[in-house]
């Protein structure tokens, strides 16, 4: 328990996290890397589900994450007209492991392609949005929404034109 408290201190006080998150939400955090904020509005019920993917959650208990998200939404004057039915805070790793990042962009390099694999890897590393996942000799950019993946795909295709990128949706059963 003491270790998680120290991690929470390292990442800032609860009030500091609320202020930082409120600022990010005000600046339209939907298209930022840190944090990634996904707001799913449900018009039929006048409600919303909110997911905040942010590595500053490390060491912060789930109940405090939810409270921080709700306080930040109030402080940013966002979604005041809606009932928040779900507020989930997850680190990048937690989001990946729990399926909150179902869309990925992968490089589709083939032997003999004119663009070196290193150039594709650098382009992915330079991409500011999404969650970077590396392992097993490959790299992926992961996203919670198809819109975010498509935006990054367009940027990567502009940076390195050609048939070198693919959007993949992971479907868990």
N, C-alpha and C. Protein backbone atom coordinates (compact mmCIF):
# COMPACT_ATOMS: atom_id res chain seq x y z
N UNK A 1 0.82 -1.19 0.00
CA UNK A 1 0.00 0.00 0.00
C UNK A 1 0.87 1.25 0.00
N UNK A 2 1.94 1.24 0.73
CA UNK A 2 2.82 2.41 0.77
C UNK A 2 3.44 2.68 -0.59
N UNK A 3 3.74 1.63 -1.36
CA UNK A 3 4.35 1.82 -2.68
C UNK A 3 3.40 2.55 -3.61
N UNK A 4 2.12 2.16 -3.61
CA UNK A 4 1.19 2.83 -4.51
C UNK A 4 0.98 4.28 -4.08
N UNK A 5 1.02 4.54 -2.80
CA UNK A 5 0.92 5.93 -2.34
C UNK A 5 2.09 6.76 -2.83
N UNK A 6 3.29 6.17 -2.83
CA UNK A 6 4.46 6.88 -3.33
C UNK A 6 4.34 7.13 -4.82
N UNK A 7 3.82 6.16 -5.58
CA UNK A 7 3.63 6.37 -7.01
C UNK A 7 2.62 7.49 -7.24
N UNK A 8 1.55 7.52 -6.47
CA UNK A 8 0.55 8.58 -6.62
C UNK A 8 1.18 9.93 -6.33
N UNK A 9 2.03 10.01 -5.29
CA UNK A 9 2.72 11.27 -4.99
C UNK A 9 3.61 11.69 -6.14
N UNK A 10 4.34 10.71 -6.72
CA UNK A 10 5.24 11.00 -7.82
C UNK A 10 4.45 11.60 -9.00
N UNK A 11 3.26 11.10 -9.23
CA UNK A 11 2.45 11.55 -10.36
C UNK A 11 1.63 12.79 -10.03
N UNK A 12 1.69 13.26 -8.80
CA UNK A 12 0.98 14.46 -8.41
C UNK A 12 -0.12 14.16 -7.42
N UNK A 13 -0.51 15.18 -6.71
CA UNK A 13 -1.59 15.03 -5.74
C UNK A 13 -2.91 14.85 -6.48
N UNK A 14 -3.93 14.42 -5.76
CA UNK A 14 -5.24 14.25 -6.37
C UNK A 14 -5.72 15.57 -6.97
N UNK A 15 -5.53 16.66 -6.22
CA UNK A 15 -5.94 17.97 -6.73
C UNK A 15 -5.15 18.35 -7.98
N UNK A 16 -3.84 18.03 -7.97
CA UNK A 16 -3.00 18.32 -9.13
C UNK A 16 -3.42 17.53 -10.35
N UNK A 17 -3.80 16.26 -10.15
CA UNK A 17 -4.29 15.44 -11.26
C UNK A 17 -5.59 16.01 -11.81
N UNK A 18 -6.47 16.46 -10.92
CA UNK A 18 -7.75 17.03 -11.36
C UNK A 18 -7.53 18.27 -12.21
N UNK A 19 -6.66 19.16 -11.76
CA UNK A 19 -6.37 20.40 -12.49
C UNK A 19 -5.76 20.08 -13.86
N UNK A 20 -4.78 19.17 -13.87
CA UNK A 20 -4.12 18.80 -15.13
C UNK A 20 -5.10 18.16 -16.11
N UNK A 21 -5.97 17.30 -15.61
CA UNK A 21 -6.95 16.65 -16.46
C UNK A 21 -7.99 17.65 -16.96
N UNK A 22 -8.46 18.53 -16.10
CA UNK A 22 -9.43 19.56 -16.50
C UNK A 22 -8.83 20.44 -17.61
N UNK A 23 -7.56 20.82 -17.46
CA UNK A 23 -6.89 21.63 -18.50
C UNK A 23 -6.84 20.87 -19.82
N UNK A 24 -6.50 19.60 -19.77
CA UNK A 24 -6.44 18.79 -20.99
C UNK A 24 -7.81 18.67 -21.65
N UNK A 25 -8.84 18.48 -20.84
CA UNK A 25 -10.20 18.37 -21.39
C UNK A 25 -10.61 19.69 -22.04
N UNK A 26 -10.31 20.80 -21.39
CA UNK A 26 -10.61 22.13 -21.96
C UNK A 26 -9.94 22.33 -23.31
N UNK A 27 -8.74 21.76 -23.47
CA UNK A 27 -7.98 21.92 -24.71
C UNK A 27 -8.34 20.86 -25.74
N UNK A 28 -9.51 20.27 -25.58
CA UNK A 28 -9.98 19.24 -26.51
C UNK A 28 -9.04 18.05 -26.52
N UNK A 29 -8.92 17.39 -25.40
CA UNK A 29 -7.97 16.29 -25.21
C UNK A 29 -8.28 15.08 -26.09
N UNK A 30 -9.42 15.07 -26.78
CA UNK A 30 -9.76 13.93 -27.65
C UNK A 30 -8.65 13.65 -28.66
N UNK A 31 -7.90 14.66 -29.04
CA UNK A 31 -6.86 14.47 -30.05
C UNK A 31 -5.47 14.71 -29.49
N UNK A 32 -5.27 14.36 -28.26
CA UNK A 32 -3.95 14.49 -27.65
C UNK A 32 -3.46 13.13 -27.23
N UNK A 33 -2.21 13.05 -26.99
CA UNK A 33 -1.63 11.78 -26.58
C UNK A 33 -1.77 11.55 -25.08
N UNK A 34 -1.51 12.55 -24.30
CA UNK A 34 -1.42 12.34 -22.87
C UNK A 34 -2.14 13.44 -22.12
N UNK A 35 -3.32 13.24 -21.66
CA UNK A 35 -4.09 12.00 -21.70
C UNK A 35 -4.91 11.86 -22.98
N UNK A 36 -5.33 10.63 -23.25
CA UNK A 36 -6.30 10.39 -24.31
C UNK A 36 -7.65 10.34 -23.60
N UNK A 37 -8.56 11.21 -24.02
CA UNK A 37 -9.89 11.27 -23.42
C UNK A 37 -10.91 10.86 -24.47
N UNK A 38 -11.70 9.85 -24.16
CA UNK A 38 -12.74 9.38 -25.06
C UNK A 38 -14.08 9.60 -24.38
N UNK A 39 -14.93 10.37 -25.05
CA UNK A 39 -16.27 10.65 -24.52
C UNK A 39 -17.28 10.03 -25.47
N UNK A 40 -18.06 9.10 -24.97
CA UNK A 40 -19.08 8.42 -25.75
C UNK A 40 -20.44 8.92 -25.27
N UNK A 41 -21.02 9.84 -26.04
CA UNK A 41 -22.33 10.41 -25.69
C UNK A 41 -23.44 9.46 -26.11
N UNK A 42 -24.43 9.30 -25.24
CA UNK A 42 -25.59 8.47 -25.53
C UNK A 42 -26.81 9.39 -25.46
N UNK A 43 -27.20 9.88 -26.63
CA UNK A 43 -28.27 10.88 -26.70
C UNK A 43 -29.60 10.36 -26.15
N UNK A 44 -29.90 9.09 -26.40
CA UNK A 44 -31.18 8.53 -25.96
C UNK A 44 -31.38 8.60 -24.45
N UNK A 45 -30.30 8.53 -23.71
CA UNK A 45 -30.41 8.55 -22.24
C UNK A 45 -29.82 9.82 -21.62
N UNK A 46 -29.40 10.75 -22.49
CA UNK A 46 -28.80 12.01 -22.01
C UNK A 46 -27.64 11.72 -21.04
N UNK A 47 -26.80 10.76 -21.46
CA UNK A 47 -25.70 10.34 -20.60
C UNK A 47 -24.43 10.19 -21.43
N UNK A 48 -23.34 9.86 -20.74
CA UNK A 48 -22.06 9.65 -21.43
C UNK A 48 -21.20 8.68 -20.64
N UNK A 49 -20.35 7.97 -21.39
CA UNK A 49 -19.30 7.14 -20.82
C UNK A 49 -17.99 7.87 -21.13
N UNK A 50 -17.10 7.95 -20.15
CA UNK A 50 -15.83 8.65 -20.32
C UNK A 50 -14.69 7.70 -19.96
N UNK A 51 -13.70 7.64 -20.85
CA UNK A 51 -12.49 6.85 -20.59
C UNK A 51 -11.31 7.81 -20.71
N UNK A 52 -10.43 7.78 -19.72
CA UNK A 52 -9.23 8.60 -19.74
C UNK A 52 -8.03 7.67 -19.64
N UNK A 53 -7.26 7.63 -20.73
CA UNK A 53 -6.04 6.81 -20.78
C UNK A 53 -4.88 7.76 -20.53
N UNK A 54 -4.18 7.49 -19.40
CA UNK A 54 -3.20 8.46 -18.91
C UNK A 54 -2.21 7.73 -18.01
N UNK A 55 -0.95 7.79 -18.31
CA UNK A 55 0.03 7.09 -17.49
C UNK A 55 0.22 7.70 -16.11
N UNK A 56 -0.30 8.90 -15.90
CA UNK A 56 -0.24 9.49 -14.55
C UNK A 56 -1.19 8.79 -13.58
N UNK A 57 -2.02 7.88 -14.07
CA UNK A 57 -2.88 7.10 -13.17
C UNK A 57 -2.09 6.06 -12.39
N UNK A 58 -0.87 5.77 -12.80
CA UNK A 58 -0.06 4.75 -12.12
C UNK A 58 -0.06 4.98 -10.61
N UNK A 59 -0.50 3.99 -9.87
CA UNK A 59 -0.51 4.07 -8.41
C UNK A 59 -1.75 4.73 -7.82
N UNK A 60 -2.66 5.21 -8.68
CA UNK A 60 -3.89 5.86 -8.20
C UNK A 60 -5.00 4.81 -8.22
N UNK A 61 -5.68 4.59 -7.09
CA UNK A 61 -6.75 3.59 -7.04
C UNK A 61 -7.89 3.93 -8.00
N UNK A 62 -8.59 2.90 -8.47
CA UNK A 62 -9.68 3.09 -9.44
C UNK A 62 -10.74 4.06 -8.94
N UNK A 63 -11.08 4.00 -7.66
CA UNK A 63 -12.11 4.90 -7.13
C UNK A 63 -11.66 6.36 -7.19
N UNK A 64 -10.37 6.59 -6.94
CA UNK A 64 -9.83 7.96 -7.01
C UNK A 64 -9.76 8.42 -8.47
N UNK A 65 -9.47 7.51 -9.38
CA UNK A 65 -9.45 7.86 -10.80
C UNK A 65 -10.82 8.35 -11.24
N UNK A 66 -11.85 7.59 -10.87
CA UNK A 66 -13.22 7.97 -11.24
C UNK A 66 -13.57 9.34 -10.66
N UNK A 67 -13.27 9.53 -9.40
CA UNK A 67 -13.55 10.81 -8.73
C UNK A 67 -12.82 11.95 -9.44
N UNK A 68 -11.56 11.73 -9.78
CA UNK A 68 -10.76 12.76 -10.47
C UNK A 68 -11.36 13.10 -11.82
N UNK A 69 -11.79 12.09 -12.57
CA UNK A 69 -12.41 12.33 -13.88
C UNK A 69 -13.67 13.16 -13.72
N UNK A 70 -14.52 12.79 -12.77
CA UNK A 70 -15.77 13.54 -12.57
C UNK A 70 -15.50 14.97 -12.13
N UNK A 71 -14.54 15.17 -11.24
CA UNK A 71 -14.19 16.52 -10.79
C UNK A 71 -13.59 17.34 -11.93
N UNK A 72 -12.77 16.71 -12.77
CA UNK A 72 -12.16 17.41 -13.90
C UNK A 72 -13.21 17.81 -14.93
N UNK A 73 -14.18 16.94 -15.17
CA UNK A 73 -15.27 17.29 -16.10
C UNK A 73 -16.05 18.49 -15.58
N UNK A 74 -16.31 18.50 -14.29
CA UNK A 74 -17.03 19.63 -13.68
C UNK A 74 -16.18 20.90 -13.76
N UNK A 75 -14.90 20.80 -13.41
CA UNK A 75 -14.02 21.98 -13.43
C UNK A 75 -13.85 22.53 -14.84
N UNK A 76 -13.87 21.66 -15.84
CA UNK A 76 -13.70 22.11 -17.23
C UNK A 76 -15.02 22.54 -17.85
N UNK A 77 -16.10 22.39 -17.08
CA UNK A 77 -17.45 22.73 -17.55
C UNK A 77 -17.82 21.93 -18.80
N UNK A 78 -17.40 20.67 -18.79
CA UNK A 78 -17.66 19.76 -19.90
C UNK A 78 -18.70 18.73 -19.48
N UNK A 79 -19.65 18.51 -20.35
CA UNK A 79 -20.69 17.50 -20.17
C UNK A 79 -21.58 17.76 -18.96
N UNK A 80 -21.70 19.01 -18.56
CA UNK A 80 -22.52 19.33 -17.38
C UNK A 80 -23.98 18.97 -17.58
N UNK A 81 -24.42 18.92 -18.84
CA UNK A 81 -25.81 18.61 -19.14
C UNK A 81 -26.09 17.11 -19.23
N UNK A 82 -25.05 16.30 -19.07
CA UNK A 82 -25.21 14.85 -19.20
C UNK A 82 -24.92 14.13 -17.88
N UNK A 83 -25.52 12.98 -17.72
CA UNK A 83 -25.21 12.10 -16.59
C UNK A 83 -24.05 11.21 -17.01
N UNK A 84 -22.99 11.22 -16.24
CA UNK A 84 -21.84 10.36 -16.53
C UNK A 84 -22.12 9.00 -15.89
N UNK A 85 -22.39 8.01 -16.74
CA UNK A 85 -22.74 6.69 -16.21
C UNK A 85 -21.52 5.80 -16.00
N UNK A 86 -20.42 6.14 -16.68
CA UNK A 86 -19.20 5.35 -16.54
C UNK A 86 -18.00 6.28 -16.72
N UNK A 87 -17.09 6.26 -15.77
CA UNK A 87 -15.85 7.05 -15.84
C UNK A 87 -14.70 6.11 -15.50
N UNK A 88 -13.92 5.78 -16.51
CA UNK A 88 -12.84 4.81 -16.34
C UNK A 88 -11.51 5.50 -16.59
N UNK A 89 -10.58 5.32 -15.67
CA UNK A 89 -9.21 5.81 -15.85
C UNK A 89 -8.28 4.62 -15.94
N UNK A 90 -7.44 4.60 -16.97
CA UNK A 90 -6.51 3.49 -17.16
C UNK A 90 -5.17 4.00 -17.66
N UNK A 91 -4.09 3.35 -17.24
CA UNK A 91 -2.79 3.65 -17.82
C UNK A 91 -2.76 3.05 -19.23
N UNK A 92 -1.75 3.41 -20.02
CA UNK A 92 -1.62 2.87 -21.37
C UNK A 92 -1.58 1.35 -21.36
N UNK A 93 -0.79 0.78 -20.46
CA UNK A 93 -0.68 -0.67 -20.38
C UNK A 93 -2.00 -1.30 -19.97
N UNK A 94 -2.66 -0.74 -18.98
CA UNK A 94 -3.96 -1.26 -18.54
C UNK A 94 -4.98 -1.18 -19.67
N UNK A 95 -4.97 -0.06 -20.41
CA UNK A 95 -5.90 0.10 -21.52
C UNK A 95 -5.65 -0.94 -22.60
N UNK A 96 -4.38 -1.17 -22.91
CA UNK A 96 -4.02 -2.18 -23.91
C UNK A 96 -4.47 -3.56 -23.46
N UNK A 97 -4.14 -3.92 -22.22
CA UNK A 97 -4.45 -5.25 -21.71
C UNK A 97 -5.95 -5.50 -21.58
N UNK A 98 -6.72 -4.45 -21.33
CA UNK A 98 -8.16 -4.63 -21.13
C UNK A 98 -8.99 -4.42 -22.39
N UNK A 99 -8.34 -4.17 -23.51
CA UNK A 99 -9.07 -4.04 -24.77
C UNK A 99 -9.64 -2.66 -25.03
N UNK A 100 -9.19 -1.64 -24.30
CA UNK A 100 -9.68 -0.28 -24.52
C UNK A 100 -9.02 0.40 -25.72
N UNK A 101 -8.04 -0.28 -26.33
CA UNK A 101 -7.33 0.26 -27.50
C UNK A 101 -7.46 -0.75 -28.66
N UNK A 102 -8.67 -0.92 -29.20
CA UNK A 102 -8.88 -1.99 -30.18
C UNK A 102 -8.33 -1.70 -31.58
N UNK A 103 -8.00 -0.45 -31.87
CA UNK A 103 -7.52 -0.11 -33.21
C UNK A 103 -6.02 0.10 -33.18
N UNK A 104 -5.34 -0.43 -34.20
CA UNK A 104 -3.90 -0.24 -34.27
C UNK A 104 -3.50 0.10 -35.70
N UNK A 105 -2.38 0.78 -35.80
CA UNK A 105 -1.75 1.00 -37.09
C UNK A 105 -0.46 0.20 -37.07
N UNK A 106 -0.28 -0.58 -38.10
CA UNK A 106 0.93 -1.38 -38.23
C UNK A 106 1.60 -1.06 -39.57
N UNK A 107 2.91 -1.20 -39.59
CA UNK A 107 3.65 -1.02 -40.84
C UNK A 107 3.54 -2.32 -41.65
N UNK A 108 3.32 -2.18 -42.95
CA UNK A 108 3.16 -3.34 -43.82
C UNK A 108 4.34 -3.43 -44.78
N UNK A 109 5.52 -3.50 -44.24
CA UNK A 109 6.75 -3.54 -45.04
C UNK A 109 6.97 -4.94 -45.58
N UNK A 110 7.31 -5.01 -46.87
CA UNK A 110 7.63 -6.29 -47.50
C UNK A 110 9.08 -6.27 -47.98
N UNK A 111 9.66 -7.42 -48.06
CA UNK A 111 11.03 -7.51 -48.58
C UNK A 111 11.04 -6.94 -50.00
N UNK A 112 12.02 -6.06 -50.25
CA UNK A 112 12.14 -5.44 -51.57
C UNK A 112 11.45 -4.09 -51.68
N UNK A 113 10.70 -3.66 -50.66
CA UNK A 113 10.08 -2.33 -50.69
C UNK A 113 11.15 -1.26 -50.76
N UNK A 114 10.85 -0.17 -51.47
CA UNK A 114 11.84 0.89 -51.66
C UNK A 114 12.07 1.72 -50.39
N UNK A 115 11.13 1.72 -49.49
CA UNK A 115 11.27 2.48 -48.24
C UNK A 115 11.85 1.55 -47.18
N UNK A 116 12.97 1.92 -46.58
CA UNK A 116 13.56 1.06 -45.54
C UNK A 116 12.65 0.95 -44.31
N UNK A 117 12.69 -0.20 -43.69
CA UNK A 117 11.89 -0.44 -42.50
C UNK A 117 12.19 0.58 -41.41
N UNK A 118 13.45 1.01 -41.31
CA UNK A 118 13.84 2.00 -40.31
C UNK A 118 13.09 3.32 -40.49
N UNK A 119 12.82 3.71 -41.73
CA UNK A 119 12.08 4.95 -41.99
C UNK A 119 10.64 4.82 -41.50
N UNK A 120 10.04 3.66 -41.70
CA UNK A 120 8.68 3.43 -41.22
C UNK A 120 8.65 3.45 -39.68
N UNK A 121 9.64 2.82 -39.07
CA UNK A 121 9.71 2.80 -37.60
C UNK A 121 9.87 4.22 -37.05
N UNK A 122 10.72 5.04 -37.70
CA UNK A 122 10.90 6.43 -37.24
C UNK A 122 9.61 7.23 -37.40
N UNK A 123 8.88 7.00 -38.49
CA UNK A 123 7.61 7.71 -38.70
C UNK A 123 6.62 7.35 -37.60
N UNK A 124 6.57 6.09 -37.24
CA UNK A 124 5.67 5.69 -36.15
C UNK A 124 6.12 6.28 -34.82
N UNK A 125 7.42 6.29 -34.57
CA UNK A 125 7.94 6.87 -33.33
C UNK A 125 7.63 8.36 -33.25
N UNK A 126 7.63 9.04 -34.41
CA UNK A 126 7.37 10.48 -34.45
C UNK A 126 5.90 10.82 -34.30
N UNK A 127 5.02 9.85 -34.51
CA UNK A 127 3.58 10.11 -34.40
C UNK A 127 3.26 10.45 -32.95
N UNK A 128 2.65 11.60 -32.74
CA UNK A 128 2.41 12.10 -31.38
C UNK A 128 1.15 11.55 -30.74
N UNK A 129 0.23 11.04 -31.53
CA UNK A 129 -1.02 10.56 -30.96
C UNK A 129 -0.99 9.05 -30.81
N UNK A 130 -1.89 8.56 -29.99
CA UNK A 130 -1.99 7.13 -29.78
C UNK A 130 -1.04 6.63 -28.71
N UNK A 131 -1.13 5.35 -28.47
CA UNK A 131 -0.30 4.67 -27.49
C UNK A 131 0.68 3.79 -28.26
N UNK A 132 1.96 3.99 -28.02
CA UNK A 132 3.01 3.23 -28.70
C UNK A 132 3.23 1.91 -27.97
N UNK A 133 3.10 0.80 -28.71
CA UNK A 133 3.31 -0.53 -28.16
C UNK A 133 4.44 -1.17 -28.96
N UNK A 134 5.47 -1.63 -28.26
CA UNK A 134 6.59 -2.31 -28.94
C UNK A 134 6.78 -3.66 -28.29
N UNK A 135 7.08 -4.64 -29.12
CA UNK A 135 7.35 -5.97 -28.59
C UNK A 135 7.41 -6.99 -29.70
N UNK A 136 8.17 -8.00 -29.49
CA UNK A 136 8.26 -9.07 -30.47
C UNK A 136 8.85 -8.62 -31.80
N UNK A 137 9.66 -7.57 -31.78
CA UNK A 137 10.28 -7.10 -33.01
C UNK A 137 9.40 -6.22 -33.87
N UNK A 138 8.19 -5.91 -33.39
CA UNK A 138 7.31 -5.04 -34.17
C UNK A 138 6.79 -3.92 -33.29
N UNK A 139 6.26 -2.91 -33.95
CA UNK A 139 5.71 -1.76 -33.23
C UNK A 139 4.29 -1.50 -33.73
N UNK A 140 3.46 -1.01 -32.84
CA UNK A 140 2.10 -0.64 -33.18
C UNK A 140 1.77 0.69 -32.54
N UNK A 141 0.88 1.41 -33.16
CA UNK A 141 0.23 2.55 -32.53
C UNK A 141 -1.18 2.09 -32.22
N UNK A 142 -1.62 2.24 -30.99
CA UNK A 142 -2.95 1.77 -30.59
C UNK A 142 -3.84 2.96 -30.28
N UNK A 143 -5.14 2.80 -30.59
CA UNK A 143 -6.11 3.87 -30.43
C UNK A 143 -7.43 3.33 -29.89
N UNK A 144 -8.13 4.16 -29.10
CA UNK A 144 -9.43 3.74 -28.60
C UNK A 144 -10.55 3.87 -29.64
N UNK A 145 -10.39 4.76 -30.63
CA UNK A 145 -11.46 4.97 -31.61
C UNK A 145 -10.93 4.85 -33.03
N UNK A 146 -11.81 4.46 -33.94
CA UNK A 146 -11.45 4.37 -35.35
C UNK A 146 -11.10 5.75 -35.91
N UNK A 147 -11.82 6.78 -35.49
CA UNK A 147 -11.52 8.14 -35.96
C UNK A 147 -10.08 8.54 -35.64
N UNK A 148 -9.64 8.24 -34.44
CA UNK A 148 -8.26 8.58 -34.05
C UNK A 148 -7.25 7.79 -34.88
N UNK A 149 -7.53 6.51 -35.12
CA UNK A 149 -6.63 5.68 -35.93
C UNK A 149 -6.58 6.20 -37.37
N UNK A 150 -7.74 6.58 -37.91
CA UNK A 150 -7.77 7.09 -39.29
C UNK A 150 -7.02 8.41 -39.42
N UNK A 151 -7.13 9.28 -38.41
CA UNK A 151 -6.37 10.54 -38.44
C UNK A 151 -4.87 10.27 -38.46
N UNK A 152 -4.42 9.36 -37.62
CA UNK A 152 -2.99 9.02 -37.58
C UNK A 152 -2.56 8.35 -38.88
N UNK A 153 -3.41 7.51 -39.43
CA UNK A 153 -3.12 6.84 -40.71
C UNK A 153 -2.89 7.88 -41.81
N UNK A 154 -3.74 8.90 -41.86
CA UNK A 154 -3.57 9.97 -42.86
C UNK A 154 -2.25 10.71 -42.67
N UNK A 155 -1.91 11.01 -41.41
CA UNK A 155 -0.64 11.70 -41.15
C UNK A 155 0.55 10.84 -41.55
N UNK A 156 0.52 9.56 -41.20
CA UNK A 156 1.61 8.67 -41.55
C UNK A 156 1.72 8.50 -43.07
N UNK A 157 0.58 8.40 -43.75
CA UNK A 157 0.58 8.25 -45.20
C UNK A 157 1.10 9.49 -45.90
N UNK A 158 0.93 10.65 -45.29
CA UNK A 158 1.48 11.88 -45.83
C UNK A 158 2.99 11.91 -45.60
N UNK A 159 3.40 11.47 -44.42
CA UNK A 159 4.82 11.46 -44.04
C UNK A 159 5.61 10.44 -44.87
N UNK A 160 5.06 9.24 -45.02
CA UNK A 160 5.69 8.18 -45.83
C UNK A 160 4.61 7.63 -46.76
N UNK A 161 4.47 8.23 -47.95
CA UNK A 161 3.44 7.78 -48.89
C UNK A 161 3.70 6.36 -49.39
N UNK A 162 2.63 5.69 -49.72
CA UNK A 162 2.74 4.34 -50.25
C UNK A 162 1.90 3.37 -49.46
N UNK A 163 1.92 2.13 -49.88
CA UNK A 163 1.08 1.10 -49.23
C UNK A 163 1.77 0.49 -48.00
N UNK A 164 2.19 1.37 -47.09
CA UNK A 164 3.01 0.89 -45.97
C UNK A 164 2.27 0.84 -44.64
N UNK A 165 1.01 1.22 -44.62
CA UNK A 165 0.29 1.32 -43.36
C UNK A 165 -1.02 0.57 -43.44
N UNK A 166 -1.43 0.00 -42.34
CA UNK A 166 -2.73 -0.65 -42.26
C UNK A 166 -3.34 -0.37 -40.89
N UNK A 167 -4.66 -0.20 -40.89
CA UNK A 167 -5.41 -0.09 -39.64
C UNK A 167 -6.00 -1.47 -39.37
N UNK A 168 -5.78 -1.96 -38.17
CA UNK A 168 -6.26 -3.27 -37.77
C UNK A 168 -7.15 -3.10 -36.55
N UNK A 169 -8.30 -3.77 -36.57
CA UNK A 169 -9.17 -3.75 -35.39
C UNK A 169 -9.08 -5.11 -34.71
N UNK A 170 -8.72 -5.07 -33.44
CA UNK A 170 -8.67 -6.27 -32.63
C UNK A 170 -10.06 -6.54 -32.08
N UNK A 171 -10.57 -7.74 -32.33
CA UNK A 171 -11.88 -8.12 -31.81
C UNK A 171 -11.67 -9.24 -30.81
N UNK A 172 -12.05 -8.99 -29.59
CA UNK A 172 -11.92 -10.01 -28.54
C UNK A 172 -13.22 -10.77 -28.40
N UNK A 173 -13.09 -12.04 -28.17
CA UNK A 173 -14.30 -12.85 -27.99
C UNK A 173 -14.40 -13.42 -26.61
